[in-house]
Amino acid sequence: MKCSACQHDNETGGKFCSNCGSPLLAKCANCGSILKPGSKFCAECGAPTVAIRSVAPPLARRAVDYTPKHLADKILQSRSALEGERKQVTVLFADVKGSMELAEQLDPEEWHSILERFFAI
């Protein structure tokens, strides 16, 4: 059976896509009966299936689900981190003349050590 969400070909008899986890059997929003794949109308009640979602929406991940607890606590305690703040800053972009041509000729480690000397200055 082909998944309507990711078009993966699944083995017959499965209830969820083995590739994306979406339900393979869509239900009619009007009467709840199971729809055949590709149906434009429900065979039981005749309701259009255009507005019917057969794909489960992806689970929303909250920042606290993947942020280390100590860091999440620190962020939550700092009101300005949550609200943001406006600052006037000056930014300087600088380039070393001929640096790209030189970088192409050097090994990455050699180029890194040269740049470290610039950063030290």
PDB file of N, CA and C in Angstrom:
ATOM      1  N   MET A   1       0.842  -1.169   0.000  1.00  0.00           N
ATOM      2  CA  MET A   1       0.000   0.000   0.000  1.00  0.00           C
ATOM      3  C   MET A   1       0.889   1.234   0.000  1.00  0.00           C
ATOM      4  N   LYS A   2       0.588   2.205  -0.862  1.00  0.00           N
ATOM      5  CA  LYS A   2       1.382   3.431  -0.978  1.00  0.00           C
ATOM      6  C   LYS A   2       0.928   4.452   0.062  1.00  0.00           C
ATOM      7  N   CYS A   3       1.887   5.005   0.773  1.00  0.00           N
ATOM      8  CA  CYS A   3       1.610   6.031   1.784  1.00  0.00           C
ATOM      9  C   CYS A   3       1.224   7.330   1.081  1.00  0.00           C
ATOM     10  N   SER A   4       0.129   7.936   1.529  1.00  0.00           N
ATOM     11  CA  SER A   4      -0.316   9.188   0.910  1.00  0.00           C
ATOM     12  C   SER A   4       0.555  10.364   1.325  1.00  0.00           C
ATOM     13  N   ALA A   5       1.318  10.219   2.395  1.00  0.00           N
ATOM     14  CA  ALA A   5       2.159  11.319   2.864  1.00  0.00           C
ATOM     15  C   ALA A   5       3.506  11.356   2.163  1.00  0.00           C
ATOM     16  N   CYS A   6       4.186  10.205   2.076  1.00  0.00           N
ATOM     17  CA  CYS A   6       5.545  10.200   1.522  1.00  0.00           C
ATOM     18  C   CYS A   6       5.692   9.337   0.270  1.00  0.00           C
ATOM     19  N   GLN A   7       4.595   8.711  -0.162  1.00  0.00           N
ATOM     20  CA  GLN A   7       4.567   7.868  -1.369  1.00  0.00           C
ATOM     21  C   GLN A   7       5.415   6.603  -1.256  1.00  0.00           C
ATOM     22  N   HIS A   8       5.764   6.207  -0.033  1.00  0.00           N
ATOM     23  CA  HIS A   8       6.537   4.987   0.198  1.00  0.00           C
ATOM     24  C   HIS A   8       5.651   3.766  -0.034  1.00  0.00           C
ATOM     25  N   ASP A   9       6.184   2.729  -0.704  1.00  0.00           N
ATOM     26  CA  ASP A   9       5.434   1.489  -0.900  1.00  0.00           C
ATOM     27  C   ASP A   9       5.585   0.617   0.343  1.00  0.00           C
ATOM     28  N   ASN A  10       4.488   0.370   1.042  1.00  0.00           N
ATOM     29  CA  ASN A  10       4.482  -0.433   2.260  1.00  0.00           C
ATOM     30  C   ASN A  10       3.919  -1.807   1.981  1.00  0.00           C
ATOM     31  N   GLU A  11       4.210  -2.741   2.877  1.00  0.00           N
ATOM     32  CA  GLU A  11       3.641  -4.076   2.761  1.00  0.00           C
ATOM     33  C   GLU A  11       2.145  -4.021   3.054  1.00  0.00           C
ATOM     34  N   THR A  12       1.392  -4.891   2.429  1.00  0.00           N
ATOM     35  CA  THR A  12      -0.052  -4.938   2.635  1.00  0.00           C
ATOM     36  C   THR A  12      -0.360  -5.360   4.066  1.00  0.00           C
ATOM     37  N   GLY A  13      -1.369  -4.728   4.654  1.00  0.00           N
ATOM     38  CA  GLY A  13      -1.803  -5.104   5.995  1.00  0.00           C
ATOM     39  C   GLY A  13      -1.311  -4.191   7.095  1.00  0.00           C
ATOM     40  N   GLY A  14      -0.362  -3.326   6.797  1.00  0.00           N
ATOM     41  CA  GLY A  14       0.145  -2.420   7.825  1.00  0.00           C
ATOM     42  C   GLY A  14      -0.829  -1.280   8.082  1.00  0.00           C
ATOM     43  N   LYS A  15      -0.785  -0.742   9.278  1.00  0.00           N
ATOM     44  CA  LYS A  15      -1.658   0.379   9.623  1.00  0.00           C
ATOM     45  C   LYS A  15      -0.929   1.713   9.546  1.00  0.00           C
ATOM     46  N   PHE A  16       0.416   1.661   9.638  1.00  0.00           N
ATOM     47  CA  PHE A  16       1.213   2.882   9.596  1.00  0.00           C
ATOM     48  C   PHE A  16       2.357   2.713   8.602  1.00  0.00           C
ATOM     49  N   CYS A  17       2.758   3.813   7.984  1.00  0.00           N
ATOM     50  CA  CYS A  17       3.838   3.793   7.003  1.00  0.00           C
ATOM     51  C   CYS A  17       5.153   3.424   7.690  1.00  0.00           C
ATOM     52  N   SER A  18       5.875   2.487   7.105  1.00  0.00           N
ATOM     53  CA  SER A  18       7.148   2.063   7.697  1.00  0.00           C
ATOM     54  C   SER A  18       8.253   3.078   7.433  1.00  0.00           C
ATOM     55  N   ASN A  19       7.992   4.076   6.607  1.00  0.00           N
ATOM     56  CA  ASN A  19       8.982   5.102   6.310  1.00  0.00           C
ATOM     57  C   ASN A  19       8.780   6.371   7.141  1.00  0.00           C
ATOM     58  N   CYS A  20       7.516   6.848   7.236  1.00  0.00           N
ATOM     59  CA  CYS A  20       7.279   8.116   7.932  1.00  0.00           C
ATOM     60  C   CYS A  20       6.343   7.991   9.134  1.00  0.00           C
ATOM     61  N   GLY A  21       5.718   6.828   9.338  1.00  0.00           N
ATOM     62  CA  GLY A  21       4.858   6.613  10.495  1.00  0.00           C
ATOM     63  C   GLY A  21       3.439   7.139  10.353  1.00  0.00           C
ATOM     64  N   SER A  22       3.087   7.666   9.192  1.00  0.00           N
ATOM     65  CA  SER A  22       1.729   8.179   8.984  1.00  0.00           C
ATOM     66  C   SER A  22       0.733   7.031   8.891  1.00  0.00           C
ATOM     67  N   PRO A  23      -0.516   7.255   9.316  1.00  0.00           N
ATOM     68  CA  PRO A  23      -1.542   6.214   9.187  1.00  0.00           C
ATOM     69  C   PRO A  23      -1.783   5.903   7.719  1.00  0.00           C
ATOM     70  N   LEU A  24      -1.919   4.621   7.392  1.00  0.00           N
ATOM     71  CA  LEU A  24      -2.148   4.219   6.012  1.00  0.00           C
ATOM     72  C   LEU A  24      -3.631   4.205   5.659  1.00  0.00           C
ATOM     73  N   LEU A  25      -4.498   4.119   6.629  1.00  0.00           N
ATOM     74  CA  LEU A  25      -5.926   4.101   6.369  1.00  0.00           C
ATOM     75  C   LEU A  25      -6.537   5.424   6.808  1.00  0.00           C
ATOM     76  N   ALA A  26      -7.072   6.153   5.830  1.00  0.00           N
ATOM     77  CA  ALA A  26      -7.713   7.427   6.137  1.00  0.00           C
ATOM     78  C   ALA A  26      -9.150   7.176   6.553  1.00  0.00           C
ATOM     79  N   LYS A  27      -9.670   8.047   7.425  1.00  0.00           N
ATOM     80  CA  LYS A  27     -11.059   7.947   7.861  1.00  0.00           C
ATOM     81  C   LYS A  27     -11.833   9.154   7.369  1.00  0.00           C
ATOM     82  N   CYS A  28     -13.104   8.936   7.062  1.00  0.00           N
ATOM     83  CA  CYS A  28     -13.986  10.004   6.625  1.00  0.00           C
ATOM     84  C   CYS A  28     -14.241  10.943   7.805  1.00  0.00           C
ATOM     85  N   ALA A  29     -14.098  12.239   7.567  1.00  0.00           N
ATOM     86  CA  ALA A  29     -14.329  13.221   8.622  1.00  0.00           C
ATOM     87  C   ALA A  29     -15.805  13.323   8.970  1.00  0.00           C
ATOM     88  N   ASN A  30     -16.684  12.925   8.046  1.00  0.00           N
ATOM     89  CA  ASN A  30     -18.120  13.042   8.265  1.00  0.00           C
ATOM     90  C   ASN A  30     -18.692  11.852   9.032  1.00  0.00           C
ATOM     91  N   CYS A  31     -18.373  10.622   8.587  1.00  0.00           N
ATOM     92  CA  CYS A  31     -18.988   9.443   9.213  1.00  0.00           C
ATOM     93  C   CYS A  31     -17.998   8.524   9.921  1.00  0.00           C
ATOM     94  N   GLY A  32     -16.698   8.721   9.703  1.00  0.00           N
ATOM     95  CA  GLY A  32     -15.688   7.923  10.386  1.00  0.00           C
ATOM     96  C   GLY A  32     -15.348   6.604   9.733  1.00  0.00           C
ATOM     97  N   SER A  33     -15.970   6.276   8.614  1.00  0.00           N
ATOM     98  CA  SER A  33     -15.652   5.007   7.961  1.00  0.00           C
ATOM     99  C   SER A  33     -14.302   5.106   7.257  1.00  0.00           C
ATOM    100  N   ILE A  34     -13.665   3.949   7.071  1.00  0.00           N
ATOM    101  CA  ILE A  34     -12.337   3.903   6.452  1.00  0.00           C
ATOM    102  C   ILE A  34     -12.467   4.144   4.962  1.00  0.00           C
ATOM    103  N   LEU A  35     -11.607   5.014   4.446  1.00  0.00           N
ATOM    104  CA  LEU A  35     -11.611   5.357   3.025  1.00  0.00           C
ATOM    105  C   LEU A  35     -10.592   4.513   2.269  1.00  0.00           C
ATOM    106  N   LYS A  36     -10.915   4.192   1.039  1.00  0.00           N
ATOM    107  CA  LYS A  36      -9.958   3.509   0.175  1.00  0.00           C
ATOM    108  C   LYS A  36      -8.953   4.545  -0.309  1.00  0.00           C
ATOM    109  N   PRO A  37      -7.673   4.155  -0.475  1.00  0.00           N
ATOM    110  CA  PRO A  37      -6.669   5.114  -0.942  1.00  0.00           C
ATOM    111  C   PRO A  37      -7.084   5.745  -2.268  1.00  0.00           C
ATOM    112  N   GLY A  38      -6.918   7.046  -2.374  1.00  0.00           N
ATOM    113  CA  GLY A  38      -7.241   7.760  -3.601  1.00  0.00           C
ATOM    114  C   GLY A  38      -8.695   8.146  -3.744  1.00  0.00           C
ATOM    115  N   SER A  39      -9.533   7.830  -2.764  1.00  0.00           N
ATOM    116  CA  SER A  39     -10.957   8.162  -2.836  1.00  0.00           C
ATOM    117  C   SER A  39     -11.156   9.666  -2.794  1.00  0.00           C
ATOM    118  N   LYS A  40     -12.040  10.152  -3.657  1.00  0.00           N
ATOM    119  CA  LYS A  40     -12.384  11.567  -3.644  1.00  0.00           C
ATOM    120  C   LYS A  40     -13.656  11.803  -2.841  1.00  0.00           C
ATOM    121  N   PHE A  41     -14.454  10.736  -2.683  1.00  0.00           N
ATOM    122  CA  PHE A  41     -15.684  10.802  -1.898  1.00  0.00           C
ATOM    123  C   PHE A  41     -15.804   9.551  -1.051  1.00  0.00           C
ATOM    124  N   CYS A  42     -16.430   9.674   0.102  1.00  0.00           N
ATOM    125  CA  CYS A  42     -16.652   8.542   1.001  1.00  0.00           C
ATOM    126  C   CYS A  42     -17.689   7.605   0.392  1.00  0.00           C
ATOM    127  N   ALA A  43     -17.412   6.299   0.382  1.00  0.00           N
ATOM    128  CA  ALA A  43     -18.338   5.318  -0.174  1.00  0.00           C
ATOM    129  C   ALA A  43     -19.548   5.103   0.739  1.00  0.00           C
ATOM    130  N   GLU A  44     -19.449   5.465   2.003  1.00  0.00           N
ATOM    131  CA  GLU A  44     -20.551   5.271   2.957  1.00  0.00           C
ATOM    132  C   GLU A  44     -21.529   6.441   2.983  1.00  0.00           C
ATOM    133  N   CYS A  45     -21.009   7.673   3.031  1.00  0.00           N
ATOM    134  CA  CYS A  45     -21.907   8.825   3.178  1.00  0.00           C
ATOM    135  C   CYS A  45     -21.822   9.812   2.020  1.00  0.00           C
ATOM    136  N   GLY A  46     -20.870   9.648   1.122  1.00  0.00           N
ATOM    137  CA  GLY A  46     -20.746  10.524  -0.042  1.00  0.00           C
ATOM    138  C   GLY A  46     -20.053  11.848   0.219  1.00  0.00           C
ATOM    139  N   ALA A  47     -19.529  12.034   1.415  1.00  0.00           N
ATOM    140  CA  ALA A  47     -18.847  13.286   1.738  1.00  0.00           C
ATOM    141  C   ALA A  47     -17.540  13.395   0.958  1.00  0.00           C
ATOM    142  N   PRO A  48     -17.219  14.601   0.487  1.00  0.00           N
ATOM    143  CA  PRO A  48     -15.937  14.755  -0.224  1.00  0.00           C
ATOM    144  C   PRO A  48     -14.765  14.530   0.732  1.00  0.00           C
ATOM    145  N   THR A  49     -13.706  13.955   0.201  1.00  0.00           N
ATOM    146  CA  THR A  49     -12.536  13.649   1.028  1.00  0.00           C
ATOM    147  C   THR A  49     -11.429  14.668   0.856  1.00  0.00           C
ATOM    148  N   VAL A  50     -11.667  15.711   0.071  1.00  0.00           N
ATOM    149  CA  VAL A  50     -10.641  16.715  -0.206  1.00  0.00           C
ATOM    150  C   VAL A  50     -10.135  17.347   1.079  1.00  0.00           C
ATOM    151  N   ALA A  51     -11.030  17.637   2.001  1.00  0.00           N
ATOM    152  CA  ALA A  51     -10.638  18.295   3.247  1.00  0.00           C
ATOM    153  C   ALA A  51     -10.157  17.307   4.299  1.00  0.00           C
ATOM    154  N   ILE A  52     -10.171  16.014   3.986  1.00  0.00           N
ATOM    155  CA  ILE A  52      -9.791  14.987   4.957  1.00  0.00           C
ATOM    156  C   ILE A  52      -8.286  14.800   4.926  1.00  0.00           C
ATOM    157  N   ARG A  53      -7.670  14.871   6.071  1.00  0.00           N
ATOM    158  CA  ARG A  53      -6.228  14.636   6.193  1.00  0.00           C
ATOM    159  C   ARG A  53      -5.997  13.210   6.622  1.00  0.00           C
ATOM    160  N   SER A  54      -5.322  12.446   5.768  1.00  0.00           N
ATOM    161  CA  SER A  54      -4.998  11.076   6.135  1.00  0.00           C
ATOM    162  C   SER A  54      -3.618  10.986   6.756  1.00  0.00           C
ATOM    163  N   VAL A  55      -2.931  12.106   6.795  1.00  0.00           N
ATOM    164  CA  VAL A  55      -1.572  12.129   7.319  1.00  0.00           C
ATOM    165  C   VAL A  55      -1.588  12.749   8.706  1.00  0.00           C
ATOM    166  N   ALA A  56      -1.009  12.060   9.654  1.00  0.00           N
ATOM    167  CA  ALA A  56      -0.912  12.626  10.999  1.00  0.00           C
ATOM    168  C   ALA A  56       0.076  13.779  10.957  1.00  0.00           C
ATOM    169  N   PRO A  57      -0.265  14.932  11.547  1.00  0.00           N
ATOM    170  CA  PRO A  57       0.677  16.044  11.540  1.00  0.00           C
ATOM    171  C   PRO A  57       1.916  15.674  12.343  1.00  0.00           C
ATOM    172  N   PRO A  58       3.081  16.181  11.950  1.00  0.00           N
ATOM    173  CA  PRO A  58       4.286  15.858  12.705  1.00  0.00           C
ATOM    174  C   PRO A  58       4.164  16.375  14.134  1.00  0.00           C
ATOM    175  N   LEU A  59       4.726  15.624  15.044  1.00  0.00           N
ATOM    176  CA  LEU A  59       4.687  16.036  16.437  1.00  0.00           C
ATOM    177  C   LEU A  59       5.546  17.271  16.626  1.00  0.00           C
ATOM    178  N   ALA A  60       4.964  18.273  17.221  1.00  0.00           N
ATOM    179  CA  ALA A  60       5.712  19.509  17.461  1.00  0.00           C
ATOM    180  C   ALA A  60       6.713  19.277  18.591  1.00  0.00           C
ATOM    181  N   ARG A  61       7.933  19.708  18.379  1.00  0.00           N
ATOM    182  CA  ARG A  61       8.955  19.571  19.411  1.00  0.00           C
ATOM    183  C   ARG A  61       9.112  20.908  20.101  1.00  0.00           C
ATOM    184  N   ARG A  62       9.104  20.860  21.407  1.00  0.00           N
ATOM    185  CA  ARG A  62       9.323  22.063  22.192  1.00  0.00           C
ATOM    186  C   ARG A  62      10.808  22.171  22.499  1.00  0.00           C
ATOM    187  N   ALA A  63      11.257  23.398  22.666  1.00  0.00           N
ATOM    188  CA  ALA A  63      12.684  23.622  22.934  1.00  0.00           C
ATOM    189  C   ALA A  63      13.139  22.891  24.196  1.00  0.00           C
ATOM    190  N   VAL A  64      12.263  22.779  25.207  1.00  0.00           N
ATOM    191  CA  VAL A  64      12.667  22.105  26.446  1.00  0.00           C
ATOM    192  C   VAL A  64      12.838  20.606  26.252  1.00  0.00           C
ATOM    193  N   ASP A  65      12.329  20.057  25.135  1.00  0.00           N
ATOM    194  CA  ASP A  65      12.482  18.626  24.868  1.00  0.00           C
ATOM    195  C   ASP A  65      13.913  18.268  24.479  1.00  0.00           C
ATOM    196  N   TYR A  66      14.645  19.208  23.886  1.00  0.00           N
ATOM    197  CA  TYR A  66      16.005  18.885  23.437  1.00  0.00           C
ATOM    198  C   TYR A  66      17.073  19.798  24.036  1.00  0.00           C
ATOM    199  N   THR A  67      16.669  20.727  24.873  1.00  0.00           N
ATOM    200  CA  THR A  67      17.635  21.605  25.531  1.00  0.00           C
ATOM    201  C   THR A  67      18.005  21.026  26.885  1.00  0.00           C
ATOM    202  N   PRO A  68      19.289  20.937  27.221  1.00  0.00           N
ATOM    203  CA  PRO A  68      19.678  20.437  28.536  1.00  0.00           C
ATOM    204  C   PRO A  68      18.972  21.225  29.640  1.00  0.00           C
ATOM    205  N   LYS A  69      18.552  20.528  30.697  1.00  0.00           N
ATOM    206  CA  LYS A  69      17.753  21.132  31.762  1.00  0.00           C
ATOM    207  C   LYS A  69      18.428  22.355  32.372  1.00  0.00           C
ATOM    208  N   HIS A  70      19.736  22.249  32.659  1.00  0.00           N
ATOM    209  CA  HIS A  70      20.411  23.386  33.287  1.00  0.00           C
ATOM    210  C   HIS A  70      20.400  24.610  32.382  1.00  0.00           C
ATOM    211  N   LEU A  71      20.504  24.407  31.073  1.00  0.00           N
ATOM    212  CA  LEU A  71      20.492  25.523  30.147  1.00  0.00           C
ATOM    213  C   LEU A  71      19.079  26.087  29.998  1.00  0.00           C
ATOM    214  N   ALA A  72      18.081  25.223  29.927  1.00  0.00           N
ATOM    215  CA  ALA A  72      16.692  25.677  29.834  1.00  0.00           C
ATOM    216  C   ALA A  72      16.313  26.492  31.061  1.00  0.00           C
ATOM    217  N   ASP A  73      16.733  26.035  32.245  1.00  0.00           N
ATOM    218  CA  ASP A  73      16.432  26.775  33.478  1.00  0.00           C
ATOM    219  C   ASP A  73      17.073  28.159  33.452  1.00  0.00           C
ATOM    220  N   LYS A  74      18.311  28.227  32.979  1.00  0.00           N
ATOM    221  CA  LYS A  74      19.021  29.503  32.929  1.00  0.00           C
ATOM    222  C   LYS A  74      18.326  30.462  31.960  1.00  0.00           C
ATOM    223  N   ILE A  75      17.898  29.952  30.824  1.00  0.00           N
ATOM    224  CA  ILE A  75      17.207  30.780  29.835  1.00  0.00           C
ATOM    225  C   ILE A  75      15.881  31.278  30.392  1.00  0.00           C
ATOM    226  N   LEU A  76      15.133  30.390  31.040  1.00  0.00           N
ATOM    227  CA  LEU A  76      13.828  30.760  31.570  1.00  0.00           C
ATOM    228  C   LEU A  76      13.928  31.764  32.717  1.00  0.00           C
ATOM    229  N   GLN A  77      15.043  31.764  33.438  1.00  0.00           N
ATOM    230  CA  GLN A  77      15.219  32.711  34.537  1.00  0.00           C
ATOM    231  C   GLN A  77      15.593  34.100  34.039  1.00  0.00           C
ATOM    232  N   SER A  78      16.150  34.171  32.860  1.00  0.00           N
ATOM    233  CA  SER A  78      16.580  35.453  32.309  1.00  0.00           C
ATOM    234  C   SER A  78      15.462  36.021  31.439  1.00  0.00           C
ATOM    235  N   ARG A  79      14.764  36.995  31.947  1.00  0.00           N
ATOM    236  CA  ARG A  79      13.625  37.578  31.233  1.00  0.00           C
ATOM    237  C   ARG A  79      14.071  38.196  29.905  1.00  0.00           C
ATOM    238  N   SER A  80      15.229  38.820  29.879  1.00  0.00           N
ATOM    239  CA  SER A  80      15.681  39.473  28.651  1.00  0.00           C
ATOM    240  C   SER A  80      15.973  38.451  27.556  1.00  0.00           C
ATOM    241  N   ALA A  81      16.371  37.241  27.944  1.00  0.00           N
ATOM    242  CA  ALA A  81      16.635  36.206  26.948  1.00  0.00           C
ATOM    243  C   ALA A  81      15.345  35.789  26.257  1.00  0.00           C
ATOM    244  N   LEU A  82      14.239  35.818  27.004  1.00  0.00           N
ATOM    245  CA  LEU A  82      12.953  35.448  26.422  1.00  0.00           C
ATOM    246  C   LEU A  82      12.372  36.575  25.574  1.00  0.00           C
ATOM    247  N   GLU A  83      12.503  37.788  26.054  1.00  0.00           N
ATOM    248  CA  GLU A  83      11.900  38.926  25.370  1.00  0.00           C
ATOM    249  C   GLU A  83      12.812  39.510  24.305  1.00  0.00           C
ATOM    250  N   GLY A  84      14.090  39.312  24.444  1.00  0.00           N
ATOM    251  CA  GLY A  84      15.051  39.916  23.543  1.00  0.00           C
ATOM    252  C   GLY A  84      15.341  41.337  23.981  1.00  0.00           C
ATOM    253  N   GLU A  85      16.344  41.931  23.410  1.00  0.00           N
ATOM    254  CA  GLU A  85      16.655  43.309  23.735  1.00  0.00           C
ATOM    255  C   GLU A  85      17.236  43.969  22.506  1.00  0.00           C
ATOM    256  N   ARG A  86      17.067  45.255  22.436  1.00  0.00           N
ATOM    257  CA  ARG A  86      17.549  46.009  21.293  1.00  0.00           C
ATOM    258  C   ARG A  86      18.835  46.710  21.695  1.00  0.00           C
ATOM    259  N   LYS A  87      19.859  46.565  20.868  1.00  0.00           N
ATOM    260  CA  LYS A  87      21.135  47.219  21.127  1.00  0.00           C
ATOM    261  C   LYS A  87      21.625  47.843  19.837  1.00  0.00           C
ATOM    262  N   GLN A  88      22.322  48.952  19.982  1.00  0.00           N
ATOM    263  CA  GLN A  88      22.984  49.542  18.838  1.00  0.00           C
ATOM    264  C   GLN A  88      24.412  49.005  18.835  1.00  0.00           C
ATOM    265  N   VAL A  89      24.796  48.401  17.728  1.00  0.00           N
ATOM    266  CA  VAL A  89      26.125  47.800  17.651  1.00  0.00           C
ATOM    267  C   VAL A  89      26.833  48.271  16.380  1.00  0.00           C
ATOM    268  N   THR A  90      28.122  48.132  16.397  1.00  0.00           N
ATOM    269  CA  THR A  90      28.929  48.383  15.217  1.00  0.00           C
ATOM    270  C   THR A  90      29.590  47.070  14.841  1.00  0.00           C
ATOM    271  N   VAL A  91      29.493  46.726  13.577  1.00  0.00           N
ATOM    272  CA  VAL A  91      30.054  45.469  13.101  1.00  0.00           C
ATOM    273  C   VAL A  91      31.111  45.786  12.048  1.00  0.00           C
ATOM    274  N   LEU A  92      32.252  45.141  12.168  1.00  0.00           N
ATOM    275  CA  LEU A  92      33.331  45.336  11.207  1.00  0.00           C
ATOM    276  C   LEU A  92      33.567  44.025  10.472  1.00  0.00           C
ATOM    277  N   PHE A  93      33.469  44.077   9.159  1.00  0.00           N
ATOM    278  CA  PHE A  93      33.825  42.937   8.334  1.00  0.00           C
ATOM    279  C   PHE A  93      35.156  43.274   7.672  1.00  0.00           C
ATOM    280  N   ALA A  94      36.104  42.381   7.786  1.00  0.00           N
ATOM    281  CA  ALA A  94      37.421  42.653   7.216  1.00  0.00           C
ATOM    282  C   ALA A  94      37.874  41.433   6.420  1.00  0.00           C
ATOM    283  N   ASP A  95      38.676  41.698   5.444  1.00  0.00           N
ATOM    284  CA  ASP A  95      39.202  40.620   4.619  1.00  0.00           C
ATOM    285  C   ASP A  95      40.704  40.831   4.457  1.00  0.00           C
ATOM    286  N   VAL A  96      41.422  39.752   4.360  1.00  0.00           N
ATOM    287  CA  VAL A  96      42.849  39.821   4.109  1.00  0.00           C
ATOM    288  C   VAL A  96      43.023  39.723   2.597  1.00  0.00           C
ATOM    289  N   LYS A  97      43.626  40.716   2.002  1.00  0.00           N
ATOM    290  CA  LYS A  97      43.773  40.756   0.543  1.00  0.00           C
ATOM    291  C   LYS A  97      44.460  39.490   0.038  1.00  0.00           C
ATOM    292  N   GLY A  98      43.817  38.850  -0.921  1.00  0.00           N
ATOM    293  CA  GLY A  98      44.368  37.641  -1.522  1.00  0.00           C
ATOM    294  C   GLY A  98      44.196  36.394  -0.671  1.00  0.00           C
ATOM    295  N   SER A  99      43.399  36.494   0.391  1.00  0.00           N
ATOM    296  CA  SER A  99      43.287  35.350   1.310  1.00  0.00           C
ATOM    297  C   SER A  99      42.623  34.135   0.675  1.00  0.00           C
ATOM    298  N   MET A 100      41.636  34.349  -0.187  1.00  0.00           N
ATOM    299  CA  MET A 100      40.944  33.201  -0.777  1.00  0.00           C
ATOM    300  C   MET A 100      41.877  32.430  -1.719  1.00  0.00           C
ATOM    301  N   GLU A 101      42.655  33.169  -2.480  1.00  0.00           N
ATOM    302  CA  GLU A 101      43.596  32.514  -3.395  1.00  0.00           C
ATOM    303  C   GLU A 101      44.636  31.716  -2.599  1.00  0.00           C
ATOM    304  N   LEU A 102      45.098  32.295  -1.486  1.00  0.00           N
ATOM    305  CA  LEU A 102      46.073  31.612  -0.641  1.00  0.00           C
ATOM    306  C   LEU A 102      45.449  30.376   0.009  1.00  0.00           C
ATOM    307  N   ALA A 103      44.218  30.510   0.484  1.00  0.00           N
ATOM    308  CA  ALA A 103      43.536  29.395   1.146  1.00  0.00           C
ATOM    309  C   ALA A 103      43.358  28.212   0.202  1.00  0.00           C
ATOM    310  N   GLU A 104      43.111  28.493  -1.077  1.00  0.00           N
ATOM    311  CA  GLU A 104      42.945  27.412  -2.056  1.00  0.00           C
ATOM    312  C   GLU A 104      44.226  26.608  -2.247  1.00  0.00           C
ATOM    313  N   GLN A 105      45.378  27.225  -2.014  1.00  0.00           N
ATOM    314  CA  GLN A 105      46.665  26.570  -2.252  1.00  0.00           C
ATOM    315  C   GLN A 105      47.185  25.808  -1.040  1.00  0.00           C
ATOM    316  N   LEU A 106      46.586  26.072   0.156  1.00  0.00           N
ATOM    317  CA  LEU A 106      47.116  25.490   1.387  1.00  0.00           C
ATOM    318  C   LEU A 106      46.230  24.382   1.923  1.00  0.00           C
ATOM    319  N   ASP A 107      46.828  23.551   2.738  1.00  0.00           N
ATOM    320  CA  ASP A 107      46.104  22.536   3.478  1.00  0.00           C
ATOM    321  C   ASP A 107      45.226  23.243   4.518  1.00  0.00           C
ATOM    322  N   PRO A 108      44.020  22.756   4.799  1.00  0.00           N
ATOM    323  CA  PRO A 108      43.137  23.433   5.765  1.00  0.00           C
ATOM    324  C   PRO A 108      43.783  23.694   7.118  1.00  0.00           C
ATOM    325  N   GLU A 109      44.604  22.753   7.615  1.00  0.00           N
ATOM    326  CA  GLU A 109      45.260  22.959   8.910  1.00  0.00           C
ATOM    327  C   GLU A 109      46.288  24.089   8.841  1.00  0.00           C
ATOM    328  N   GLU A 110      47.002  24.166   7.726  1.00  0.00           N
ATOM    329  CA  GLU A 110      47.977  25.244   7.560  1.00  0.00           C
ATOM    330  C   GLU A 110      47.267  26.595   7.518  1.00  0.00           C
ATOM    331  N   TRP A 111      46.169  26.657   6.759  1.00  0.00           N
ATOM    332  CA  TRP A 111      45.410  27.898   6.643  1.00  0.00           C
ATOM    333  C   TRP A 111      44.844  28.318   8.002  1.00  0.00           C
ATOM    334  N   HIS A 112      44.401  27.338   8.766  1.00  0.00           N
ATOM    335  CA  HIS A 112      43.854  27.622  10.094  1.00  0.00           C
ATOM    336  C   HIS A 112      44.927  28.232  10.997  1.00  0.00           C
ATOM    337  N   SER A 113      46.128  27.703  10.955  1.00  0.00           N
ATOM    338  CA  SER A 113      47.200  28.242  11.808  1.00  0.00           C
ATOM    339  C   SER A 113      47.573  29.665  11.388  1.00  0.00           C
ATOM    340  N   ILE A 114      47.527  29.963  10.102  1.00  0.00           N
ATOM    341  CA  ILE A 114      47.804  31.329   9.643  1.00  0.00           C
ATOM    342  C   ILE A 114      46.724  32.284  10.158  1.00  0.00           C
ATOM    343  N   LEU A 115      45.470  31.870  10.055  1.00  0.00           N
ATOM    344  CA  LEU A 115      44.376  32.717  10.534  1.00  0.00           C
ATOM    345  C   LEU A 115      44.434  32.911  12.043  1.00  0.00           C
ATOM    346  N   GLU A 116      44.849  31.891  12.760  1.00  0.00           N
ATOM    347  CA  GLU A 116      44.976  32.021  14.216  1.00  0.00           C
ATOM    348  C   GLU A 116      45.950  33.135  14.587  1.00  0.00           C
ATOM    349  N   ARG A 117      47.008  33.294  13.798  1.00  0.00           N
ATOM    350  CA  ARG A 117      47.959  34.369  14.057  1.00  0.00           C
ATOM    351  C   ARG A 117      47.315  35.742  13.858  1.00  0.00           C
ATOM    352  N   PHE A 118      46.461  35.847  12.819  1.00  0.00           N
ATOM    353  CA  PHE A 118      45.738  37.102  12.603  1.00  0.00           C
ATOM    354  C   PHE A 118      44.787  37.394  13.760  1.00  0.00           C
ATOM    355  N   PHE A 119      44.089  36.376  14.218  1.00  0.00           N
ATOM    356  CA  PHE A 119      43.113  36.554  15.296  1.00  0.00           C
ATOM    357  C   PHE A 119      43.815  36.934  16.601  1.00  0.00           C
ATOM    358  N   ALA A 120      45.011  36.426  16.790  1.00  0.00           N
ATOM    359  CA  ALA A 120      45.767  36.753  17.995  1.00  0.00           C
ATOM    360  C   ALA A 120      46.136  38.238  18.030  1.00  0.00           C
ATOM    361  N   ILE A 121      46.428  38.765  16.856  1.00  0.00           N
ATOM    362  CA  ILE A 121      46.791  40.192  16.753  1.00  0.00           C
ATOM    363  C   ILE A 121      45.572  41.042  17.037  1.00  0.00           C
TER     364      ILE A 121
END
